[in-house]
Protein backbone atom coordinates (compact mmCIF):
# COMPACT_ATOMS: atom_id res chain seq x y z
CA MET A 1 -28.92 -43.18 66.32
CA LYS A 2 -29.49 -43.69 62.77
CA ARG A 3 -26.36 -41.04 62.33
CA ILE A 4 -24.42 -43.67 64.15
CA LEU A 5 -25.71 -46.78 62.46
CA ARG A 6 -25.03 -45.01 58.99
CA PHE A 7 -21.33 -44.48 60.33
CA LEU A 8 -21.04 -48.04 61.38
CA LEU A 9 -22.02 -49.41 58.19
CA ARG A 10 -19.75 -47.02 56.44
CA GLY A 11 -16.97 -47.96 58.20
CA PHE A 12 -17.59 -51.45 57.79
CA LEU A 13 -18.08 -51.40 54.23
CA GLY A 14 -14.55 -49.60 54.01
CA LEU A 15 -13.15 -52.12 55.88
CA LEU A 16 -14.73 -54.88 53.56
CA ALA A 17 -13.01 -52.78 50.44
CA LEU A 18 -9.88 -52.71 51.87
CA LEU A 19 -9.73 -56.55 52.70
CA ALA A 20 -10.69 -56.79 49.08
CA VAL A 21 -7.71 -54.56 47.83
CA LEU A 22 -5.29 -56.48 49.88
CA ALA A 23 -6.37 -59.88 49.08
CA GLY A 24 -6.48 -58.85 45.50
CA LEU A 25 -2.86 -57.85 46.35
CA PHE A 26 -1.69 -60.34 48.00
CA ALA A 27 -3.12 -62.83 45.03
CA TYR A 28 -1.21 -60.30 42.30
CA PHE A 29 2.47 -60.50 44.48
CA LEU A 30 1.98 -63.56 46.48
CA TYR A 31 0.31 -66.32 45.11
CA THR A 32 1.24 -68.89 42.85
CA PRO A 33 -0.43 -72.11 41.79
CA ASP A 34 1.42 -75.24 42.80
CA PRO A 35 2.77 -77.39 39.56
CA GLU A 36 0.82 -80.62 39.20
CA LEU A 37 2.83 -83.25 40.28
CA PRO A 38 4.85 -85.38 37.52
CA GLN A 39 4.44 -88.99 36.87
CA LEU A 40 7.51 -90.38 38.70
CA SER A 41 9.12 -93.95 39.13
CA GLY A 42 10.16 -93.81 42.46
CA ASN A 43 9.44 -93.37 46.05
CA LEU A 44 10.00 -90.00 48.20
CA SER A 45 10.55 -90.72 52.11
CA LYS A 46 11.23 -89.03 55.04
CA GLY A 47 14.52 -89.72 57.31
CA GLU A 48 16.22 -88.85 60.29
CA ILE A 49 19.87 -88.60 61.56
CA ASP A 50 21.46 -87.97 65.03
CA VAL A 51 24.11 -85.44 64.82
CA ALA A 52 26.14 -84.34 67.56
CA GLY A 53 23.04 -85.36 69.73
CA VAL A 54 20.26 -83.58 67.55
CA LYS A 55 18.10 -85.57 65.32
CA ARG A 56 17.84 -83.48 61.76
CA GLY A 57 15.46 -84.39 58.96
CA TYR A 58 15.47 -84.80 55.76
CA ARG A 59 13.84 -86.18 52.62
CA THR A 60 14.84 -88.34 49.43
CA TYR A 61 13.83 -89.48 46.16
CA VAL A 62 15.24 -92.53 44.65
CA PRO A 63 13.96 -93.40 41.29
CA LYS A 64 12.94 -97.33 40.72
CA ASP A 65 15.86 -99.43 39.92
CA LEU A 66 18.27 -97.19 40.53
CA PRO A 67 21.51 -99.08 40.16
CA LYS A 68 24.88 -99.24 42.70
CA GLY A 69 27.55 -96.36 42.06
CA ALA A 70 24.77 -93.92 41.08
CA PRO A 71 25.59 -90.14 41.87
CA LEU A 72 24.14 -88.29 44.97
CA VAL A 73 22.78 -84.90 44.21
CA LEU A 74 21.73 -82.72 47.59
CA VAL A 75 18.92 -79.89 47.02
CA MET A 76 19.10 -77.15 49.86
CA HIS A 77 15.87 -74.98 50.31
CA GLY A 78 15.90 -70.96 50.92
CA SER A 79 15.69 -68.96 54.03
CA GLY A 80 13.00 -69.80 56.04
CA GLU A 81 11.41 -72.64 54.05
CA GLY A 82 12.04 -76.74 54.11
CA PRO A 83 12.14 -79.93 51.91
CA GLY A 84 8.30 -79.42 51.14
CA ARG A 85 8.64 -75.98 49.42
CA ILE A 86 11.85 -76.15 47.62
CA ARG A 87 10.79 -79.29 46.08
CA ILE A 88 7.14 -77.33 44.80
CA GLY A 89 9.38 -74.52 43.90
CA THR A 90 11.53 -75.88 41.47
CA GLY A 91 8.41 -77.75 39.58
CA TYR A 92 9.71 -80.99 41.16
CA ALA A 93 12.40 -80.31 38.61
CA PHE A 94 15.30 -82.45 40.06
CA GLU A 95 12.92 -85.30 40.32
CA ARG A 96 12.18 -85.53 37.07
CA LEU A 97 15.76 -85.21 35.80
CA ALA A 98 16.85 -88.04 38.57
CA ASP A 99 14.24 -90.31 36.66
CA GLN A 100 15.92 -89.39 33.69
CA HIS A 101 19.48 -89.65 34.25
CA GLY A 102 19.70 -92.01 37.16
CA PHE A 103 20.81 -90.65 40.58
CA ALA A 104 19.61 -90.14 44.53
CA LEU A 105 18.03 -87.18 45.36
CA VAL A 106 18.05 -85.62 49.27
CA TYR A 107 16.68 -82.42 50.32
CA PRO A 108 18.18 -81.51 53.74
CA LYS A 109 16.69 -79.18 56.27
CA SER A 110 18.54 -76.55 58.05
CA PHE A 111 19.09 -76.26 61.73
CA ALA A 112 17.48 -72.63 62.11
CA SER A 113 15.08 -70.73 59.38
CA ASP A 114 18.96 -69.82 57.63
CA TRP A 115 21.57 -72.51 56.65
CA ASN A 116 24.58 -71.18 58.67
CA ASP A 117 26.19 -70.28 55.31
CA CYS A 118 29.50 -67.72 54.40
CA SER A 119 27.44 -65.06 55.95
CA ARG A 120 27.86 -63.67 59.24
CA ILE A 121 24.32 -62.37 59.36
CA GLY A 122 21.20 -64.31 59.19
CA ASP A 123 18.61 -66.05 61.54
CA LYS A 124 21.14 -68.93 62.30
CA GLU A 125 19.97 -69.84 65.46
CA LEU A 126 17.40 -71.66 67.12
CA ASN A 127 16.81 -71.53 71.11
CA GLY A 128 20.15 -69.82 71.36
CA VAL A 129 22.14 -72.35 69.44
CA ARG A 130 23.79 -72.41 66.51
CA GLY A 131 23.71 -75.72 64.53
CA ASP A 132 26.72 -77.44 62.42
CA ASP A 133 25.11 -77.49 58.99
CA VAL A 134 28.33 -78.45 57.46
CA GLY A 135 28.68 -81.21 59.64
CA TYR A 136 25.01 -82.61 59.23
CA LEU A 137 25.47 -82.33 55.59
CA ALA A 138 28.56 -84.26 55.55
CA ALA A 139 27.34 -86.83 57.80
CA LEU A 140 23.80 -86.86 55.79
CA VAL A 141 26.24 -87.81 52.55
CA ASP A 142 27.75 -90.59 54.03
CA LYS A 143 24.66 -92.35 55.24
CA LEU A 144 22.87 -92.05 52.01
CA VAL A 145 25.90 -93.18 49.87
CA ALA A 146 26.31 -96.23 52.37
CA GLU A 147 22.83 -96.94 52.56
CA LEU A 148 21.97 -96.54 48.51
CA SER A 149 25.48 -97.86 47.56
CA LEU A 150 25.83 -94.67 45.79
CA ASP A 151 29.07 -93.09 43.98
CA PRO A 152 30.88 -90.95 47.20
CA ALA A 153 33.23 -89.56 44.31
CA ARG A 154 30.12 -88.05 42.37
CA VAL A 155 28.43 -86.40 45.14
CA PHE A 156 26.81 -82.83 43.78
CA ALA A 157 24.93 -80.20 45.75
CA THR A 158 22.83 -77.30 44.71
CA GLY A 159 20.58 -74.96 46.32
CA VAL A 160 18.16 -71.83 45.91
CA SER A 161 18.98 -68.59 47.75
CA ASN A 162 20.01 -69.07 51.47
CA GLY A 163 20.53 -72.54 49.91
CA GLY A 164 22.74 -71.60 47.15
CA SER A 165 24.85 -69.44 49.86
CA MET A 166 25.22 -72.93 51.89
CA ALA A 167 26.34 -74.37 48.66
CA MET A 168 29.53 -71.78 48.04
CA ARG A 169 30.29 -72.42 51.95
CA LEU A 170 30.18 -76.58 51.01
CA ALA A 171 32.43 -75.44 47.97
CA LEU A 172 34.81 -74.16 49.92
CA GLU A 173 35.47 -75.98 53.42
CA GLN A 174 34.65 -79.51 51.95
CA PRO A 175 36.13 -79.38 48.12
CA SER A 176 36.89 -83.09 48.49
CA ARG A 177 33.31 -84.55 49.27
CA TYR A 178 31.37 -82.44 46.83
CA LYS A 179 32.35 -82.79 43.01
CA ALA A 180 30.62 -79.73 42.18
CA VAL A 181 28.04 -77.19 43.37
CA ALA A 182 25.71 -74.93 41.73
CA ALA A 183 24.67 -71.54 43.78
CA VAL A 184 21.50 -69.98 42.57
CA VAL A 185 20.20 -66.33 43.48
CA ALA A 186 23.13 -66.71 45.73
CA ASN A 187 26.66 -64.48 45.74
CA VAL A 188 29.77 -64.39 47.97
CA PRO A 189 29.33 -62.06 51.20
CA ALA A 190 31.18 -58.91 51.15
CA PRO A 191 34.68 -59.42 53.35
CA GLU A 192 33.44 -57.71 56.19
CA ASN A 193 30.58 -60.07 56.40
CA PHE A 194 32.43 -63.34 55.25
CA GLN A 195 33.01 -66.24 57.81
CA CYS A 196 34.34 -69.31 55.83
CA GLN A 197 37.23 -70.84 56.15
CA PRO A 198 38.32 -71.93 52.89
CA ALA A 199 40.05 -75.15 52.59
CA ALA A 200 43.62 -74.80 51.01
CA GLN A 201 43.17 -78.05 49.02
CA LYS A 202 42.07 -78.66 45.31
CA ALA A 203 39.13 -76.83 44.72
CA THR A 204 35.77 -78.27 43.47
CA SER A 205 33.88 -76.96 40.03
CA VAL A 206 31.15 -74.08 40.77
CA MET A 207 28.11 -73.06 39.06
CA ILE A 208 26.21 -69.36 39.65
CA MET A 209 22.70 -68.76 38.27
CA ASN A 210 21.45 -65.29 38.93
CA GLY A 211 18.67 -63.34 37.10
CA SER A 212 19.74 -59.32 36.79
CA GLU A 213 16.18 -58.44 38.25
CA ASP A 214 16.37 -60.02 41.31
CA PRO A 215 14.92 -57.74 44.16
CA LEU A 216 16.70 -59.46 47.04
CA VAL A 217 20.05 -60.29 46.63
CA PRO A 218 21.20 -57.81 43.89
CA TYR A 219 23.32 -59.23 41.01
CA ALA A 220 25.25 -55.89 41.06
CA GLY A 221 26.29 -56.37 44.88
CA GLY A 222 25.21 -54.54 47.90
CA GLU A 223 22.67 -55.35 50.47
CA ILE A 224 20.26 -58.32 50.77
CA SER A 225 17.07 -57.05 51.64
CA LEU A 226 13.64 -57.80 49.94
CA LEU A 227 12.88 -53.83 48.21
CA GLY A 228 15.00 -52.08 50.22
CA LEU A 229 12.47 -52.60 52.80
CA PHE A 230 12.64 -56.37 54.41
CA TYR A 231 14.61 -58.84 55.33
CA LYS A 232 18.25 -57.35 55.69
CA GLY A 233 20.79 -60.25 54.89
CA GLY A 234 24.00 -58.29 55.07
CA PRO A 235 26.63 -56.95 52.37
CA ILE A 236 27.57 -58.83 49.16
CA VAL A 237 29.63 -58.59 46.22
CA SER A 238 28.23 -58.55 42.36
CA SER A 239 27.83 -61.97 40.86
CA ARG A 240 30.91 -61.32 38.32
CA ALA A 241 33.12 -61.01 41.51
CA SER A 242 31.42 -63.89 43.24
CA ALA A 243 32.58 -66.00 40.03
CA GLN A 244 35.61 -64.66 39.89
CA TYR A 245 36.16 -65.15 43.69
CA PHE A 246 35.96 -68.97 42.86
CA ALA A 247 37.76 -68.48 39.39
CA ASP A 248 40.65 -67.17 41.42
CA TRP A 249 40.42 -70.15 44.31
CA ALA A 250 40.93 -72.69 41.43
CA GLN A 251 43.66 -70.70 40.28
CA LEU A 252 42.02 -70.50 37.07
CA THR A 253 43.89 -67.66 35.02
CA GLY A 254 42.65 -65.45 32.16
CA SER A 255 39.27 -64.26 30.96
CA PRO A 256 36.39 -66.45 30.69
CA GLN A 257 34.99 -68.16 27.72
CA THR A 258 31.56 -65.94 26.86
CA SER A 259 28.32 -66.78 24.96
CA GLU A 260 24.84 -65.76 24.98
CA GLN A 261 21.44 -66.89 23.79
CA THR A 262 18.31 -65.19 23.76
CA VAL A 263 15.47 -68.27 25.38
CA ALA A 264 12.43 -65.94 25.07
CA GLU A 265 10.98 -62.09 25.00
CA GLY A 266 12.90 -60.13 27.00
CA VAL A 267 15.17 -62.99 28.32
CA ARG A 268 18.74 -63.77 27.64
CA VAL A 269 21.35 -65.78 29.01
CA GLU A 270 24.93 -65.23 29.39
CA GLN A 271 27.12 -67.87 30.20
CA ASN A 272 30.93 -67.18 31.31
CA LEU A 273 32.99 -70.37 31.94
CA TRP A 274 36.56 -70.16 33.32
CA SER A 275 38.31 -73.41 32.77
CA GLN A 276 41.67 -74.84 32.31
CA GLY A 277 42.78 -78.32 31.79
CA GLY A 278 42.91 -80.74 34.89
CA LYS A 279 41.44 -78.13 36.99
CA ALA A 280 37.99 -77.55 38.35
CA GLU A 281 35.77 -75.18 36.58
CA VAL A 282 33.62 -71.90 37.17
CA GLU A 283 30.62 -70.88 35.20
CA LEU A 284 28.66 -67.68 35.76
CA VAL A 285 25.22 -68.07 34.32
CA SER A 286 23.38 -64.55 34.24
CA ILE A 287 19.59 -64.67 33.57
CA HIS A 288 19.28 -61.22 32.07
CA GLY A 289 15.52 -60.72 32.55
CA GLY A 290 15.13 -63.10 35.48
CA GLY A 291 14.15 -62.32 39.10
CA HIS A 292 14.84 -64.45 41.94
CA GLY A 293 14.23 -67.92 41.86
CA LEU A 294 15.26 -71.12 39.75
CA PRO A 295 14.45 -70.58 36.25
CA GLN A 296 12.29 -73.59 35.01
CA PRO A 297 9.37 -74.77 32.60
CA TYR A 298 7.02 -75.83 35.28
CA SER A 299 5.66 -73.04 37.49
CA LYS A 300 6.16 -69.65 37.97
CA ARG A 301 7.65 -67.99 41.00
CA PRO A 302 5.54 -65.21 43.06
CA ARG A 303 5.59 -61.36 41.18
CA LEU A 304 6.84 -59.77 44.53
CA LEU A 305 10.27 -61.87 43.71
CA GLY A 306 10.66 -60.34 40.36
CA PRO A 307 10.35 -61.96 36.64
CA SER A 308 9.44 -65.23 36.42
CA PRO A 309 10.93 -66.65 33.40
CA MET A 310 9.80 -70.64 32.21
CA GLU A 311 13.36 -70.14 30.48
CA PRO A 312 15.80 -71.27 30.34
CA ASN A 313 15.57 -75.05 32.26
CA GLY A 314 17.94 -74.08 35.32
CA PRO A 315 17.63 -77.33 36.66
CA ALA A 316 18.79 -79.45 33.52
CA MET A 317 21.39 -76.78 33.14
CA ILE A 318 22.85 -77.72 36.36
CA TRP A 319 22.56 -81.28 35.59
CA ALA A 320 24.36 -80.78 32.69
CA PHE A 321 27.13 -79.08 34.47
CA PHE A 322 27.51 -81.70 37.18
CA GLU A 323 27.25 -84.51 34.30
CA ARG A 324 30.21 -83.02 32.53
CA GLN A 325 32.41 -82.92 35.63
CA PRO A 326 34.92 -85.48 34.65
CA LYS A 327 34.91 -89.02 37.09
């Protein structure tokens, strides 16, 4: 009997040790503290819109005393996330910028776990139905422009990861609606994985901001997966090829203007800009030493997603790109 008790005790202690190790690994690779909520002038509110008989939710942030004719910025979440997570994951950076520069902000919610972006692969159906995310976002833009008296010619869209991929789809299929888009840690799907139907009309401006050490969306192209083991998202082309795709679509000829800057130890920002007078512009921002996430100075991202530099201020770079687009 004593032997059995000793055996059970050892097993119990071994289980406790294993749980302690797993908890430590979780804390090290996955846990990051939430950033402190800044003092903001405006209000965050929840909204709902009916699109083709389907109720879709969203959150808006509107700074205090926002003037009529202000811009609108859409910020789209990543796979399996939502408006609350993208706010925290970006350190509330876009709300800080909205207060400083005077624009309205909306965090939309995808229909399924993934946005219905240009990739054929992904978790894009809910109860066997694939949502019309492009139509939902168009209706949402029209609703907010009318309700808040915003400038319909100054609507911008950005997103992180799967949200960045959705921003690419908006650029390709509705360039007349979005003045510019910024896709973060996202690349163009490979031809066999591509489902978008690019518009034949004038292109919109596009920024792509990717980390060279991204363990999920490979900077050099390949298969979207986490460490090659989890979450298969289909093949993509490289970051440079993605930027070149948009440059070709916008009929921007010639080589890009290139600049580099070291912003922190082990972190170098390389910017390649395709620009030609009167046309849309395309910019590739390569964060050499960055992982899967939007670099910003307010919070770290989980170690599992690669290096998490606090510089550069990615949201500020995105807004500067949006703001410089001609009216």
